[in-house]
């Protein structure tokens, strides 16, 4: 992995964990998802117009189909993730989702894209599984232990993450769709998909805007930016490297949940997050990192 790609992923990790914190504070829901999707479309429209002028992209049926498919997957992702945040702690749902997602993406890269992981990658996968075990079975949330629903939604989010990672990799690498255009088109699609529901809940929409407009604006700005950085790295780097490397945000998200939201038992949670992070580092470096003994 190049230093340029690694820099993109580190920046994306901080941004990603930050907008997840904002989302947790709101509690989410389809109305909030529609609100920040629409705001994102407006905020990034000038950049899309500038890109279209500089590098025109013909909207052929194949391109539109890929963008629509990405919209469906990302809409499902936000729906499952926000539901998870409603039933569980950030430092449980977030690491589970972000830890299982890259592991499944690596498996998908092997089966679908023909990538061949080495022993270092497989060792990293084992550490990720260990971290998932610790976080799902060893933590104790404010209600005693992590609810089954929180674990299920966290794991389900990981499945969706793996799916859209492989889908979007093909879009930006195989079909050469610009990352900015793909993400903006995805937000347009989500805006359309969720519009009927949001319009039926106009009173709730107005309440959300009055009480959480700062969070909505923050997520609308940060969410696309984080993923555009990841998509840019995906253009030139294998999924088996990008999917795990971006999950350094796991540790950042756990720290935010503990420090800013007061979620309990930090030592156990950080142990699980540290195990996942070690696994991710092994995958990225193929077990040859200089900080390892021997």
C-alpha atoms as a PDB file:
ATOM      1  CA  UNK A   1       0.000   0.000   0.000  1.00  0.00           C
ATOM      2  CA  UNK A   2       1.346   3.435  -0.910  1.00  0.00           C
ATOM      3  CA  UNK A   3       1.773   6.217   1.634  1.00  0.00           C
ATOM      4  CA  UNK A   4      -0.789   8.230  -0.329  1.00  0.00           C
ATOM      5  CA  UNK A   5      -3.430   5.513   0.078  1.00  0.00           C
ATOM      6  CA  UNK A   6      -2.565   5.024   3.754  1.00  0.00           C
ATOM      7  CA  UNK A   7      -2.871   8.779   4.365  1.00  0.00           C
ATOM      8  CA  UNK A   8      -6.295   8.820   2.724  1.00  0.00           C
ATOM      9  CA  UNK A   9      -7.453   5.945   4.921  1.00  0.00           C
ATOM     10  CA  UNK A  10      -6.159   7.458   8.166  1.00  0.00           C
ATOM     11  CA  UNK A  11      -7.924  10.745   7.422  1.00  0.00           C
ATOM     12  CA  UNK A  12     -11.092   8.862   6.487  1.00  0.00           C
ATOM     13  CA  UNK A  13     -10.937   6.876   9.746  1.00  0.00           C
ATOM     14  CA  UNK A  14     -10.992   9.989  11.923  1.00  0.00           C
ATOM     15  CA  UNK A  15     -13.777  11.568   9.877  1.00  0.00           C
ATOM     16  CA  UNK A  16     -15.786   8.330   9.856  1.00  0.00           C
ATOM     17  CA  UNK A  17     -15.635   7.899  13.633  1.00  0.00           C
ATOM     18  CA  UNK A  18     -16.647  11.550  14.104  1.00  0.00           C
ATOM     19  CA  UNK A  19     -19.823  11.352  12.033  1.00  0.00           C
ATOM     20  CA  UNK A  20     -20.726   8.076  13.744  1.00  0.00           C
ATOM     21  CA  UNK A  21     -20.523   9.885  17.076  1.00  0.00           C
ATOM     22  CA  UNK A  22     -22.919  12.545  15.768  1.00  0.00           C
ATOM     23  CA  UNK A  23     -25.256   9.831  14.502  1.00  0.00           C
ATOM     24  CA  UNK A  24     -25.253   8.089  17.878  1.00  0.00           C
ATOM     25  CA  UNK A  25     -26.168  11.331  19.641  1.00  0.00           C
ATOM     26  CA  UNK A  26     -29.221  11.770  17.425  1.00  0.00           C
ATOM     27  CA  UNK A  27     -30.356   8.154  17.487  1.00  0.00           C
ATOM     28  CA  UNK A  28     -30.862   8.177  13.716  1.00  0.00           C
ATOM     29  CA  UNK A  29     -33.852   6.766  11.916  1.00  0.00           C
ATOM     30  CA  UNK A  30     -35.027   6.968   8.294  1.00  0.00           C
ATOM     31  CA  UNK A  31     -36.110  10.600   8.628  1.00  0.00           C
ATOM     32  CA  UNK A  32     -32.662  11.686   9.787  1.00  0.00           C
ATOM     33  CA  UNK A  33     -31.047   9.546   7.101  1.00  0.00           C
ATOM     34  CA  UNK A  34     -33.139  11.263   4.416  1.00  0.00           C
ATOM     35  CA  UNK A  35     -32.330  14.677   5.885  1.00  0.00           C
ATOM     36  CA  UNK A  36     -28.560  14.295   5.807  1.00  0.00           C
ATOM     37  CA  UNK A  37     -28.683  12.599   2.387  1.00  0.00           C
ATOM     38  CA  UNK A  38     -30.538  15.587   0.913  1.00  0.00           C
ATOM     39  CA  UNK A  39     -28.176  18.016   2.609  1.00  0.00           C
ATOM     40  CA  UNK A  40     -25.191  16.081   1.220  1.00  0.00           C
ATOM     41  CA  UNK A  41     -26.602  16.307  -2.304  1.00  0.00           C
ATOM     42  CA  UNK A  42     -26.840  20.076  -1.968  1.00  0.00           C
ATOM     43  CA  UNK A  43     -23.483  20.594  -0.278  1.00  0.00           C
ATOM     44  CA  UNK A  44     -21.532  18.550  -2.839  1.00  0.00           C
ATOM     45  CA  UNK A  45     -23.432  19.657  -5.961  1.00  0.00           C
ATOM     46  CA  UNK A  46     -20.933  22.451  -6.817  1.00  0.00           C
ATOM     47  CA  UNK A  47     -18.047  19.973  -6.684  1.00  0.00           C
ATOM     48  CA  UNK A  48     -19.955  17.515  -8.897  1.00  0.00           C
ATOM     49  CA  UNK A  49     -20.715  20.246 -11.440  1.00  0.00           C
ATOM     50  CA  UNK A  50     -17.053  21.261 -11.485  1.00  0.00           C
ATOM     51  CA  UNK A  51     -15.987  17.643 -11.970  1.00  0.00           C
ATOM     52  CA  UNK A  52     -18.544  17.161 -14.758  1.00  0.00           C
ATOM     53  CA  UNK A  53     -17.180  20.199 -16.561  1.00  0.00           C
ATOM     54  CA  UNK A  54     -13.564  19.078 -16.115  1.00  0.00           C
ATOM     55  CA  UNK A  55     -14.121  15.369 -16.791  1.00  0.00           C
ATOM     56  CA  UNK A  56     -17.498  14.587 -18.368  1.00  0.00           C
ATOM     57  CA  UNK A  57     -18.873  11.125 -17.533  1.00  0.00           C
ATOM     58  CA  UNK A  58     -21.534   9.717 -19.899  1.00  0.00           C
ATOM     59  CA  UNK A  59     -24.444   8.360 -17.834  1.00  0.00           C
ATOM     60  CA  UNK A  60     -24.756   5.078 -19.684  1.00  0.00           C
ATOM     61  CA  UNK A  61     -27.260   2.459 -18.423  1.00  0.00           C
ATOM     62  CA  UNK A  62     -24.469   0.407 -16.835  1.00  0.00           C
ATOM     63  CA  UNK A  63     -23.216   3.418 -14.880  1.00  0.00           C
ATOM     64  CA  UNK A  64     -26.713   4.338 -13.707  1.00  0.00           C
ATOM     65  CA  UNK A  65     -27.373   0.734 -12.696  1.00  0.00           C
ATOM     66  CA  UNK A  66     -24.207   0.576 -10.597  1.00  0.00           C
ATOM     67  CA  UNK A  67     -25.077   3.848  -8.860  1.00  0.00           C
ATOM     68  CA  UNK A  68     -28.621   2.640  -8.145  1.00  0.00           C
ATOM     69  CA  UNK A  69     -27.260  -0.614  -6.719  1.00  0.00           C
ATOM     70  CA  UNK A  70     -24.862   1.322  -4.522  1.00  0.00           C
ATOM     71  CA  UNK A  71     -27.755   3.504  -3.340  1.00  0.00           C
ATOM     72  CA  UNK A  72     -29.742   0.438  -2.278  1.00  0.00           C
ATOM     73  CA  UNK A  73     -26.809  -1.063  -0.378  1.00  0.00           C
ATOM     74  CA  UNK A  74     -25.908   2.180   1.389  1.00  0.00           C
ATOM     75  CA  UNK A  75     -29.542   2.846   2.318  1.00  0.00           C
ATOM     76  CA  UNK A  76     -29.677  -0.617   3.884  1.00  0.00           C
ATOM     77  CA  UNK A  77     -26.366   0.063   5.646  1.00  0.00           C
ATOM     78  CA  UNK A  78     -27.523   3.264   7.310  1.00  0.00           C
ATOM     79  CA  UNK A  79     -30.853   1.745   8.266  1.00  0.00           C
ATOM     80  CA  UNK A  80     -29.284  -1.274   9.976  1.00  0.00           C
ATOM     81  CA  UNK A  81     -26.515   0.795  11.577  1.00  0.00           C
ATOM     82  CA  UNK A  82     -28.871   3.398  13.019  1.00  0.00           C
ATOM     83  CA  UNK A  83     -31.158   0.681  14.362  1.00  0.00           C
ATOM     84  CA  UNK A  84     -28.132  -0.857  16.044  1.00  0.00           C
ATOM     85  CA  UNK A  85     -27.288   2.460  17.682  1.00  0.00           C
ATOM     86  CA  UNK A  86     -30.813   2.626  19.057  1.00  0.00           C
ATOM     87  CA  UNK A  87     -30.551  -0.743  20.804  1.00  0.00           C
ATOM     88  CA  UNK A  88     -26.869  -0.816  21.802  1.00  0.00           C
ATOM     89  CA  UNK A  89     -23.805   1.188  22.811  1.00  0.00           C
ATOM     90  CA  UNK A  90     -21.583   2.847  20.218  1.00  0.00           C
ATOM     91  CA  UNK A  91     -18.515   0.992  21.521  1.00  0.00           C
ATOM     92  CA  UNK A  92     -20.303  -2.366  20.941  1.00  0.00           C
ATOM     93  CA  UNK A  93     -22.177  -1.841  17.662  1.00  0.00           C
ATOM     94  CA  UNK A  94     -19.503   0.261  15.956  1.00  0.00           C
ATOM     95  CA  UNK A  95     -16.531  -2.126  16.439  1.00  0.00           C
ATOM     96  CA  UNK A  96     -18.636  -5.181  15.594  1.00  0.00           C
ATOM     97  CA  UNK A  97     -19.843  -3.607  12.375  1.00  0.00           C
ATOM     98  CA  UNK A  98     -16.485  -2.190  11.377  1.00  0.00           C
ATOM     99  CA  UNK A  99     -14.589  -5.323  12.423  1.00  0.00           C
ATOM    100  CA  UNK A 100     -16.627  -8.006  10.660  1.00  0.00           C
ATOM    101  CA  UNK A 101     -17.119  -5.900   7.522  1.00  0.00           C
ATOM    102  CA  UNK A 102     -13.482  -5.955   6.357  1.00  0.00           C
ATOM    103  CA  UNK A 103     -13.039  -9.614   7.245  1.00  0.00           C
ATOM    104  CA  UNK A 104     -16.007 -10.581   5.095  1.00  0.00           C
ATOM    105  CA  UNK A 105     -14.820  -8.203   2.381  1.00  0.00           C
ATOM    106  CA  UNK A 106     -11.470 -10.034   2.252  1.00  0.00           C
ATOM    107  CA  UNK A 107     -13.322 -13.343   1.848  1.00  0.00           C
ATOM    108  CA  UNK A 108     -15.401 -11.796  -0.920  1.00  0.00           C
ATOM    109  CA  UNK A 109     -12.263 -10.446  -2.584  1.00  0.00           C
ATOM    110  CA  UNK A 110     -10.848 -13.970  -2.665  1.00  0.00           C
ATOM    111  CA  UNK A 111     -13.992 -15.638  -3.990  1.00  0.00           C
ATOM    112  CA  UNK A 112     -15.144 -12.901  -6.384  1.00  0.00           C
ATOM    113  CA  UNK A 113     -12.110 -10.827  -7.330  1.00  0.00           C
ATOM    114  CA  UNK A 114      -9.531 -13.617  -7.217  1.00  0.00           C
ATOM    115  CA  UNK A 115      -7.258 -12.000  -4.627  1.00  0.00           C
ATOM    116  CA  UNK A 116      -4.997 -14.405  -2.702  1.00  0.00           C
ATOM    117  CA  UNK A 117      -4.362 -13.537   0.967  1.00  0.00           C
ATOM    118  CA  UNK A 118      -1.127 -14.727   2.562  1.00  0.00           C
ATOM    119  CA  UNK A 119      -0.412 -16.137   6.021  1.00  0.00           C
ATOM    120  CA  UNK A 120      -0.165 -12.610   7.457  1.00  0.00           C
ATOM    121  CA  UNK A 121      -3.652 -11.779   6.203  1.00  0.00           C
ATOM    122  CA  UNK A 122      -5.077 -15.009   7.635  1.00  0.00           C
ATOM    123  CA  UNK A 123      -3.418 -14.310  11.010  1.00  0.00           C
ATOM    124  CA  UNK A 124      -4.942 -10.845  10.977  1.00  0.00           C
ATOM    125  CA  UNK A 125      -8.349 -12.387  10.349  1.00  0.00           C
ATOM    126  CA  UNK A 126      -7.988 -14.533  13.455  1.00  0.00           C
ATOM    127  CA  UNK A 127      -7.281 -11.473  15.592  1.00  0.00           C
ATOM    128  CA  UNK A 128     -10.368  -9.806  14.146  1.00  0.00           C
ATOM    129  CA  UNK A 129     -12.492 -12.822  15.104  1.00  0.00           C
ATOM    130  CA  UNK A 130     -11.011 -12.711  18.613  1.00  0.00           C
ATOM    131  CA  UNK A 131     -11.879  -9.019  18.893  1.00  0.00           C
ATOM    132  CA  UNK A 132     -15.446  -9.705  17.772  1.00  0.00           C
ATOM    133  CA  UNK A 133     -15.722 -12.432  20.427  1.00  0.00           C
ATOM    134  CA  UNK A 134     -14.491 -10.134  23.184  1.00  0.00           C
ATOM    135  CA  UNK A 135     -16.785  -7.286  22.201  1.00  0.00           C
ATOM    136  CA  UNK A 136     -19.898  -9.420  21.739  1.00  0.00           C
ATOM    137  CA  UNK A 137     -19.459 -11.762  24.696  1.00  0.00           C
ATOM    138  CA  UNK A 138     -17.063 -10.164  27.113  1.00  0.00           C
ATOM    139  CA  UNK A 139     -18.333  -6.615  27.411  1.00  0.00           C
ATOM    140  CA  UNK A 140     -20.791  -5.332  29.952  1.00  0.00           C
ATOM    141  CA  UNK A 141     -22.888  -2.397  28.798  1.00  0.00           C
ATOM    142  CA  UNK A 142     -24.744   0.009  31.000  1.00  0.00           C
ATOM    143  CA  UNK A 143     -27.652  -2.437  31.224  1.00  0.00           C
ATOM    144  CA  UNK A 144     -25.415  -5.351  32.288  1.00  0.00           C
ATOM    145  CA  UNK A 145     -24.322  -7.003  29.035  1.00  0.00           C
ATOM    146  CA  UNK A 146     -24.669  -6.352  25.323  1.00  0.00           C
ATOM    147  CA  UNK A 147     -28.181  -7.153  24.162  1.00  0.00           C
ATOM    148  CA  UNK A 148     -28.568  -9.869  21.506  1.00  0.00           C
ATOM    149  CA  UNK A 149     -30.185  -7.272  19.251  1.00  0.00           C
ATOM    150  CA  UNK A 150     -27.117  -5.016  19.463  1.00  0.00           C
ATOM    151  CA  UNK A 151     -24.812  -7.891  18.506  1.00  0.00           C
ATOM    152  CA  UNK A 152     -27.080  -9.011  15.653  1.00  0.00           C
ATOM    153  CA  UNK A 153     -27.377  -5.516  14.195  1.00  0.00           C
ATOM    154  CA  UNK A 154     -23.641  -4.973  14.534  1.00  0.00           C
ATOM    155  CA  UNK A 155     -22.863  -8.179  12.640  1.00  0.00           C
ATOM    156  CA  UNK A 156     -25.567  -7.514  10.049  1.00  0.00           C
ATOM    157  CA  UNK A 157     -24.048  -4.102   9.397  1.00  0.00           C
ATOM    158  CA  UNK A 158     -20.712  -5.826   8.791  1.00  0.00           C
ATOM    159  CA  UNK A 159     -22.296  -8.016   6.106  1.00  0.00           C
ATOM    160  CA  UNK A 160     -23.684  -4.960   4.334  1.00  0.00           C
ATOM    161  CA  UNK A 161     -20.314  -3.176   4.612  1.00  0.00           C
ATOM    162  CA  UNK A 162     -18.598  -6.103   2.870  1.00  0.00           C
ATOM    163  CA  UNK A 163     -21.256  -6.076   0.149  1.00  0.00           C
ATOM    164  CA  UNK A 164     -21.025  -2.397  -0.703  1.00  0.00           C
ATOM    165  CA  UNK A 165     -17.214  -2.455  -0.462  1.00  0.00           C
ATOM    166  CA  UNK A 166     -16.972  -5.089  -3.210  1.00  0.00           C
ATOM    167  CA  UNK A 167     -19.707  -3.390  -5.258  1.00  0.00           C
ATOM    168  CA  UNK A 168     -18.113   0.041  -5.058  1.00  0.00           C
ATOM    169  CA  UNK A 169     -14.631  -1.344  -5.738  1.00  0.00           C
ATOM    170  CA  UNK A 170     -15.903  -2.569  -9.101  1.00  0.00           C
ATOM    171  CA  UNK A 171     -17.529   0.824  -9.727  1.00  0.00           C
ATOM    172  CA  UNK A 172     -14.448   2.994  -9.168  1.00  0.00           C
ATOM    173  CA  UNK A 173     -11.804   0.542 -10.344  1.00  0.00           C
ATOM    174  CA  UNK A 174     -13.449  -1.722 -12.898  1.00  0.00           C
ATOM    175  CA  UNK A 175     -15.789   0.891 -14.416  1.00  0.00           C
ATOM    176  CA  UNK A 176     -13.670   3.979 -13.643  1.00  0.00           C
ATOM    177  CA  UNK A 177     -16.553   5.941 -12.111  1.00  0.00           C
ATOM    178  CA  UNK A 178     -15.209   8.984 -10.242  1.00  0.00           C
ATOM    179  CA  UNK A 179     -15.482   8.537  -6.437  1.00  0.00           C
ATOM    180  CA  UNK A 180     -17.163  11.926  -6.032  1.00  0.00           C
ATOM    181  CA  UNK A 181     -19.757  11.100  -8.688  1.00  0.00           C
ATOM    182  CA  UNK A 182     -20.456   7.647  -7.255  1.00  0.00           C
ATOM    183  CA  UNK A 183     -20.964   8.930  -3.718  1.00  0.00           C
ATOM    184  CA  UNK A 184     -23.075  11.890  -4.847  1.00  0.00           C
ATOM    185  CA  UNK A 185     -25.211   9.643  -7.048  1.00  0.00           C
ATOM    186  CA  UNK A 186     -25.646   7.260  -4.139  1.00  0.00           C
ATOM    187  CA  UNK A 187     -26.913  10.106  -1.956  1.00  0.00           C
ATOM    188  CA  UNK A 188     -29.305  11.154  -4.706  1.00  0.00           C
ATOM    189  CA  UNK A 189     -30.618   7.608  -4.840  1.00  0.00           C
ATOM    190  CA  UNK A 190     -31.091   7.430  -1.074  1.00  0.00           C
ATOM    191  CA  UNK A 191     -32.888  10.766  -1.122  1.00  0.00           C
ATOM    192  CA  UNK A 192     -35.369   9.426  -3.664  1.00  0.00           C
ATOM    193  CA  UNK A 193     -35.799   6.056  -1.944  1.00  0.00           C
ATOM    194  CA  UNK A 194     -36.541   7.592   1.452  1.00  0.00           C
ATOM    195  CA  UNK A 195     -38.527  10.625   0.249  1.00  0.00           C
ATOM    196  CA  UNK A 196     -42.014   9.021   0.523  1.00  0.00           C
ATOM    197  CA  UNK A 197     -41.377   7.963   4.106  1.00  0.00           C
ATOM    198  CA  UNK A 198     -39.859  11.307   5.110  1.00  0.00           C
ATOM    199  CA  UNK A 199     -42.711  13.280   3.566  1.00  0.00           C
ATOM    200  CA  UNK A 200     -45.272  11.178   5.425  1.00  0.00           C
ATOM    201  CA  UNK A 201     -43.481  12.148   8.644  1.00  0.00           C
ATOM    202  CA  UNK A 202     -43.231  15.875   8.034  1.00  0.00           C
ATOM    203  CA  UNK A 203     -43.860  16.731  11.665  1.00  0.00           C
ATOM    204  CA  UNK A 204     -41.076  14.412  12.800  1.00  0.00           C
ATOM    205  CA  UNK A 205     -38.826  15.807  10.079  1.00  0.00           C
ATOM    206  CA  UNK A 206     -39.399  19.356  11.296  1.00  0.00           C
ATOM    207  CA  UNK A 207     -38.727  18.310  14.911  1.00  0.00           C
ATOM    208  CA  UNK A 208     -35.497  16.571  13.913  1.00  0.00           C
ATOM    209  CA  UNK A 209     -34.371  19.648  12.018  1.00  0.00           C
ATOM    210  CA  UNK A 210     -35.094  21.976  14.940  1.00  0.00           C
ATOM    211  CA  UNK A 211     -33.406  19.760  17.528  1.00  0.00           C
ATOM    212  CA  UNK A 212     -30.564  18.206  15.528  1.00  0.00           C
ATOM    213  CA  UNK A 213     -29.781  20.430  12.580  1.00  0.00           C
ATOM    214  CA  UNK A 214     -26.152  20.822  13.666  1.00  0.00           C
ATOM    215  CA  UNK A 215     -25.680  17.053  13.754  1.00  0.00           C
ATOM    216  CA  UNK A 216     -27.478  16.703  10.411  1.00  0.00           C
ATOM    217  CA  UNK A 217     -25.209  19.284   8.784  1.00  0.00           C
ATOM    218  CA  UNK A 218     -22.134  17.694  10.342  1.00  0.00           C
ATOM    219  CA  UNK A 219     -23.010  14.202   9.104  1.00  0.00           C
ATOM    220  CA  UNK A 220     -23.976  15.572   5.675  1.00  0.00           C
ATOM    221  CA  UNK A 221     -20.527  17.129   5.288  1.00  0.00           C
ATOM    222  CA  UNK A 222     -18.353  14.460   6.920  1.00  0.00           C
ATOM    223  CA  UNK A 223     -20.040  11.268   5.749  1.00  0.00           C
ATOM    224  CA  UNK A 224     -19.439  11.773   2.000  1.00  0.00           C
ATOM    225  CA  UNK A 225     -15.952  13.148   2.569  1.00  0.00           C
ATOM    226  CA  UNK A 226     -14.834  10.063   4.502  1.00  0.00           C
ATOM    227  CA  UNK A 227     -16.131   7.666   1.878  1.00  0.00           C
ATOM    228  CA  UNK A 228     -14.815   9.660  -1.080  1.00  0.00           C
ATOM    229  CA  UNK A 229     -11.338   9.330   0.453  1.00  0.00           C
ATOM    230  CA  UNK A 230     -11.825   5.574   0.783  1.00  0.00           C
ATOM    231  CA  UNK A 231     -13.111   5.250  -2.786  1.00  0.00           C
ATOM    232  CA  UNK A 232     -10.106   7.195  -4.054  1.00  0.00           C
ATOM    233  CA  UNK A 233      -7.790   4.711  -2.337  1.00  0.00           C
ATOM    234  CA  UNK A 234      -9.842   1.803  -3.709  1.00  0.00           C
ATOM    235  CA  UNK A 235      -9.163   2.947  -7.249  1.00  0.00           C
ATOM    236  CA  UNK A 236      -5.562   1.758  -7.084  1.00  0.00           C
ATOM    237  CA  UNK A 237      -5.379  -0.624  -4.091  1.00  0.00           C
ATOM    238  CA  UNK A 238      -6.782  -4.160  -3.562  1.00  0.00           C
ATOM    239  CA  UNK A 239      -9.877  -4.646  -1.424  1.00  0.00           C
ATOM    240  CA  UNK A 240      -7.953  -7.036   0.831  1.00  0.00           C
ATOM    241  CA  UNK A 241      -5.746  -4.088   1.861  1.00  0.00           C
ATOM    242  CA  UNK A 242      -8.247  -1.214   1.877  1.00  0.00           C
ATOM    243  CA  UNK A 243     -11.174  -2.891   3.661  1.00  0.00           C
ATOM    244  CA  UNK A 244      -9.137  -3.810   6.759  1.00  0.00           C
ATOM    245  CA  UNK A 245      -6.902  -0.718   6.806  1.00  0.00           C
ATOM    246  CA  UNK A 246      -9.800   1.727   6.969  1.00  0.00           C
ATOM    247  CA  UNK A 247     -10.996   0.057  10.160  1.00  0.00           C
ATOM    248  CA  UNK A 248      -8.474   1.850  12.341  1.00  0.00           C
ATOM    249  CA  UNK A 249     -11.591   3.917  13.020  1.00  0.00           C
ATOM    250  CA  UNK A 250     -12.691   1.027  15.288  1.00  0.00           C
ATOM    251  CA  UNK A 251     -10.308   2.155  18.010  1.00  0.00           C
ATOM    252  CA  UNK A 252     -11.245   5.803  17.488  1.00  0.00           C
ATOM    253  CA  UNK A 253     -14.951   4.974  17.703  1.00  0.00           C
ATOM    254  CA  UNK A 254     -14.488   2.975  20.905  1.00  0.00           C
ATOM    255  CA  UNK A 255     -12.538   5.819  22.514  1.00  0.00           C
ATOM    256  CA  UNK A 256     -15.283   8.266  21.572  1.00  0.00           C
ATOM    257  CA  UNK A 257     -17.964   6.002  22.991  1.00  0.00           C
ATOM    258  CA  UNK A 258     -16.090   5.645  26.264  1.00  0.00           C
ATOM    259  CA  UNK A 259     -14.861   9.218  26.694  1.00  0.00           C
ATOM    260  CA  UNK A 260     -17.690  11.278  25.206  1.00  0.00           C
ATOM    261  CA  UNK A 261     -20.766   9.092  25.768  1.00  0.00           C
ATOM    262  CA  UNK A 262     -19.767   7.591  29.104  1.00  0.00           C
ATOM    263  CA  UNK A 263     -20.118   3.980  27.959  1.00  0.00           C
ATOM    264  CA  UNK A 264     -18.786   1.626  30.617  1.00  0.00           C
ATOM    265  CA  UNK A 265     -16.067  -1.023  31.058  1.00  0.00           C
ATOM    266  CA  UNK A 266     -13.429   0.673  28.891  1.00  0.00           C
ATOM    267  CA  UNK A 267     -10.661  -1.868  29.574  1.00  0.00           C
ATOM    268  CA  UNK A 268     -12.601  -4.821  28.176  1.00  0.00           C
ATOM    269  CA  UNK A 269     -13.887  -2.856  25.204  1.00  0.00           C
ATOM    270  CA  UNK A 270     -10.478  -1.478  24.358  1.00  0.00           C
ATOM    271  CA  UNK A 271      -9.026  -4.996  24.612  1.00  0.00           C
ATOM    272  CA  UNK A 272     -11.443  -6.159  21.913  1.00  0.00           C
ATOM    273  CA  UNK A 273     -10.798  -3.083  19.779  1.00  0.00           C
ATOM    274  CA  UNK A 274      -7.018  -3.515  20.204  1.00  0.00           C
ATOM    275  CA  UNK A 275      -7.244  -7.147  19.064  1.00  0.00           C
ATOM    276  CA  UNK A 276      -9.138  -6.049  15.950  1.00  0.00           C
ATOM    277  CA  UNK A 277      -6.633  -3.285  15.292  1.00  0.00           C
ATOM    278  CA  UNK A 278      -3.728  -5.730  15.584  1.00  0.00           C
ATOM    279  CA  UNK A 279      -5.460  -8.020  13.118  1.00  0.00           C
ATOM    280  CA  UNK A 280      -5.997  -5.180  10.705  1.00  0.00           C
ATOM    281  CA  UNK A 281      -2.342  -4.156  10.933  1.00  0.00           C
ATOM    282  CA  UNK A 282      -1.281  -7.733  10.230  1.00  0.00           C
ATOM    283  CA  UNK A 283      -3.483  -7.795   7.150  1.00  0.00           C
ATOM    284  CA  UNK A 284      -2.191  -4.467   5.875  1.00  0.00           C
ATOM    285  CA  UNK A 285       1.478  -5.298   6.433  1.00  0.00           C
ATOM    286  CA  UNK A 286       1.172  -9.018   5.604  1.00  0.00           C
ATOM    287  CA  UNK A 287       2.708  -9.901   8.953  1.00  0.00           C
ATOM    288  CA  UNK A 288       5.984  -8.149   8.139  1.00  0.00           C
ATOM    289  CA  UNK A 289       5.569  -5.055  10.316  1.00  0.00           C
ATOM    290  CA  UNK A 290       8.821  -3.961  12.017  1.00  0.00           C
ATOM    291  CA  UNK A 291       7.108  -3.697  15.380  1.00  0.00           C
ATOM    292  CA  UNK A 292       6.489  -7.467  15.501  1.00  0.00           C
ATOM    293  CA  UNK A 293       9.068  -9.622  17.390  1.00  0.00           C
ATOM    294  CA  UNK A 294      11.379 -11.816  15.353  1.00  0.00           C
END
